[in-house]
Amino acid sequence: MAGRQSRKSSTVTHQDPYSNRIRVRACGILVVEEKILLVEQNVPARKHPVWIPPGGGVRTGESAEDALTREFFEETNLRISGLKLKYINEYIQNPYHAMELYFLVESYSGELKPGYDPEHTQTNQLIRDVRFIPFSELKHIQIVPEFIRDELNSKKYLDDQITFYKSEN
């Protein structure tokens, strides 16, 4: 437009692959006998490791369910089925912005073990641990997103309604 000039920074900074774009993530909530499967990870938007449901980015041309199945296996070594969309969470913390789709996972098979992030080198892996954590212990850990703790403890996750959350920090 006339009279407008674009301002470009002459300083080039390193950007991580998760920032300055909107990401779509598919995540799985697997509950067995009042325990939820969580992955302890170093995540770019946090200074300390956090516990999160397994999941990750949806690739172009990949359905959210297929992305979740792939990511779940990469992170936990488990095959999953019976996915049902339960939560949509919009996460905004500049420079991070994600639309997260949380699916309840009905069944699984395989042997649980910590997986890997193929996007990262062997020495720069984000996954630290993976395990089933009893609902009663969720108050003692940093779980992200935080609404998961309340939904599990109140048993609202069993409702058929899809719920939208917005997380900003």
Protein backbone atom coordinates (compact mmCIF):
# COMPACT_ATOMS: atom_id res chain seq x y z
CA MET A 1 0.00 0.00 0.00
CA ALA A 2 1.19 3.53 -0.63
CA GLY A 3 2.87 5.19 2.32
CA ARG A 4 3.54 1.91 4.15
CA GLN A 5 6.94 0.33 4.39
CA SER A 6 7.57 -3.10 5.73
CA ARG A 7 9.94 -3.26 8.66
CA LYS A 8 12.23 -6.25 8.56
CA SER A 9 14.67 -6.98 11.31
CA SER A 10 18.28 -7.14 10.26
CA THR A 11 18.99 -9.50 13.16
CA VAL A 12 18.46 -13.17 12.45
CA THR A 13 17.56 -15.22 15.50
CA HIS A 14 17.20 -18.95 15.93
CA GLN A 15 13.56 -20.01 15.95
CA ASP A 16 12.36 -23.34 17.21
CA PRO A 17 10.06 -25.23 14.84
CA TYR A 18 7.05 -24.77 17.13
CA SER A 19 6.94 -20.96 17.35
CA ASN A 20 5.50 -18.15 15.25
CA ARG A 21 2.87 -20.27 13.56
CA ILE A 22 -0.42 -21.91 14.44
CA ARG A 23 0.00 -25.63 15.04
CA VAL A 24 -2.73 -28.25 15.10
CA ARG A 25 -2.03 -30.95 17.67
CA ALA A 26 -3.82 -34.25 18.33
CA CYS A 27 -3.54 -35.58 21.89
CA GLY A 28 -4.84 -38.70 23.60
CA ILE A 29 -6.37 -39.20 27.01
CA LEU A 30 -5.99 -42.83 28.02
CA VAL A 31 -7.56 -43.65 31.39
CA VAL A 32 -7.26 -47.07 33.02
CA GLU A 33 -8.54 -47.74 36.55
CA GLU A 34 -8.47 -44.08 37.68
CA LYS A 35 -5.00 -43.55 36.18
CA ILE A 36 -4.09 -41.42 33.18
CA LEU A 37 -1.22 -42.08 30.82
CA LEU A 38 1.08 -39.05 30.74
CA VAL A 39 4.41 -38.20 29.16
CA GLU A 40 6.96 -36.12 31.04
CA GLN A 41 8.53 -33.76 28.51
CA ASN A 42 10.63 -30.70 28.09
CA VAL A 43 8.39 -28.41 26.07
CA PRO A 44 9.47 -25.18 24.37
CA ALA A 45 6.77 -23.05 26.06
CA ARG A 46 7.81 -24.07 29.61
CA LYS A 47 10.99 -23.59 31.62
CA HIS A 48 10.64 -26.90 33.46
CA PRO A 49 9.51 -30.38 32.35
CA VAL A 50 5.75 -30.98 32.50
CA TRP A 51 3.43 -33.98 32.28
CA ILE A 52 1.18 -33.99 29.22
CA PRO A 53 -1.10 -36.45 27.43
CA PRO A 54 0.71 -38.12 24.50
CA GLY A 55 0.30 -36.38 21.18
CA GLY A 56 1.78 -34.01 18.68
CA GLY A 57 1.48 -32.14 15.43
CA VAL A 58 -0.89 -33.08 12.64
CA ARG A 59 0.91 -33.22 9.29
CA THR A 60 -0.55 -31.79 6.10
CA GLY A 61 -2.85 -34.40 4.55
CA GLU A 62 -3.02 -36.47 7.77
CA SER A 63 -6.23 -36.83 9.77
CA ALA A 64 -6.15 -35.86 13.44
CA GLU A 65 -6.92 -39.49 14.38
CA ASP A 66 -4.04 -40.80 12.24
CA ALA A 67 -1.69 -38.19 13.71
CA LEU A 68 -2.68 -39.19 17.23
CA THR A 69 -2.19 -42.89 16.48
CA ARG A 70 1.29 -42.17 15.07
CA GLU A 71 2.32 -39.78 17.85
CA PHE A 72 0.99 -42.07 20.59
CA PHE A 73 3.08 -44.95 19.29
CA GLU A 74 6.19 -42.77 18.88
CA GLU A 75 5.92 -41.48 22.46
CA THR A 76 4.64 -44.55 24.36
CA ASN A 77 5.14 -47.65 22.17
CA LEU A 78 1.38 -48.31 22.46
CA ARG A 79 -1.11 -48.92 19.63
CA ILE A 80 -4.45 -47.24 20.28
CA SER A 81 -8.01 -47.44 18.97
CA GLY A 82 -11.51 -46.20 19.71
CA LEU A 83 -10.84 -42.46 19.56
CA LYS A 84 -13.54 -39.98 20.54
CA LEU A 85 -13.05 -36.20 20.39
CA LYS A 86 -13.62 -34.71 23.85
CA TYR A 87 -11.76 -31.39 24.21
CA ILE A 88 -10.56 -28.55 22.03
CA ASN A 89 -7.98 -26.31 23.65
CA GLU A 90 -6.60 -23.16 22.10
CA TYR A 91 -3.18 -22.50 23.60
CA ILE A 92 -1.69 -19.03 23.20
CA GLN A 93 1.59 -17.91 24.73
CA ASN A 94 3.54 -15.70 22.37
CA PRO A 95 5.33 -16.90 20.24
CA TYR A 96 3.42 -20.22 20.59
CA HIS A 97 -0.11 -20.78 19.32
CA ALA A 98 -1.74 -24.20 19.04
CA MET A 99 -5.17 -25.67 18.46
CA GLU A 100 -5.15 -28.90 20.44
CA LEU A 101 -7.66 -31.68 19.85
CA TYR A 102 -7.94 -34.08 22.80
CA PHE A 103 -9.40 -37.51 22.11
CA LEU A 104 -10.47 -40.09 24.67
CA VAL A 105 -8.72 -43.39 23.89
CA GLU A 106 -10.89 -46.47 24.37
CA SER A 107 -8.30 -49.27 24.10
CA TYR A 108 -4.61 -49.95 23.63
CA SER A 109 -2.11 -52.74 23.12
CA GLY A 110 1.63 -53.11 23.45
CA GLU A 111 4.26 -52.65 26.14
CA LEU A 112 4.52 -49.17 27.64
CA LYS A 113 7.96 -47.59 27.34
CA PRO A 114 9.29 -44.07 26.75
CA GLY A 115 9.49 -43.25 23.08
CA TYR A 116 11.24 -40.65 21.00
CA ASP A 117 10.72 -37.49 19.00
CA PRO A 118 11.81 -38.16 15.40
CA GLU A 119 11.99 -34.39 14.87
CA HIS A 120 14.88 -34.18 17.35
CA THR A 121 18.34 -35.71 17.52
CA GLN A 122 19.13 -38.54 19.93
CA THR A 123 20.92 -36.11 22.28
CA ASN A 124 18.13 -33.52 22.11
CA GLN A 125 15.07 -35.65 22.93
CA LEU A 126 12.16 -33.99 24.73
CA ILE A 127 10.59 -37.10 26.31
CA ARG A 128 11.84 -37.88 29.82
CA ASP A 129 9.37 -40.47 31.12
CA VAL A 130 5.99 -42.06 30.41
CA ARG A 131 3.64 -43.69 32.92
CA PHE A 132 0.14 -44.14 34.24
CA ILE A 133 -0.42 -41.67 37.07
CA PRO A 134 -3.27 -42.12 39.57
CA PHE A 135 -5.82 -39.29 39.62
CA SER A 136 -5.05 -38.85 43.33
CA GLU A 137 -1.43 -37.90 42.49
CA LEU A 138 -2.25 -35.31 39.82
CA LYS A 139 -2.24 -32.50 42.40
CA HIS A 140 1.46 -33.22 43.04
CA ILE A 141 2.68 -32.86 39.45
CA GLN A 142 2.69 -30.11 36.86
CA ILE A 143 0.16 -31.32 34.28
CA VAL A 144 -0.48 -29.35 31.10
CA PRO A 145 -3.06 -28.29 30.18
CA GLU A 146 -4.28 -27.76 33.71
CA PHE A 147 -7.98 -28.31 32.92
CA ILE A 148 -7.22 -32.04 32.48
CA ARG A 149 -6.72 -32.46 36.26
CA ASP A 150 -10.15 -30.99 37.09
CA GLU A 151 -11.92 -32.91 34.31
CA LEU A 152 -10.50 -36.21 35.55
CA ASN A 153 -11.12 -35.60 39.25
CA SER A 154 -14.70 -34.44 38.65
CA LYS A 155 -15.29 -37.29 36.17
CA LYS A 156 -16.53 -34.77 33.58
CA TYR A 157 -14.33 -36.52 31.02
CA LEU A 158 -16.99 -39.25 30.95
CA ASP A 159 -19.65 -36.83 29.60
CA ASP A 160 -20.48 -37.00 25.90
CA GLN A 161 -20.19 -33.24 25.42
CA ILE A 162 -17.19 -31.74 23.58
CA THR A 163 -15.72 -28.91 25.67
CA PHE A 164 -13.65 -25.92 24.51
CA TYR A 165 -10.92 -24.38 26.63
CA LYS A 166 -8.55 -21.50 26.06
CA SER A 167 -5.19 -21.53 27.83
CA GLU A 168 -3.12 -18.38 28.01
CA ASN A 169 -0.05 -17.85 30.14
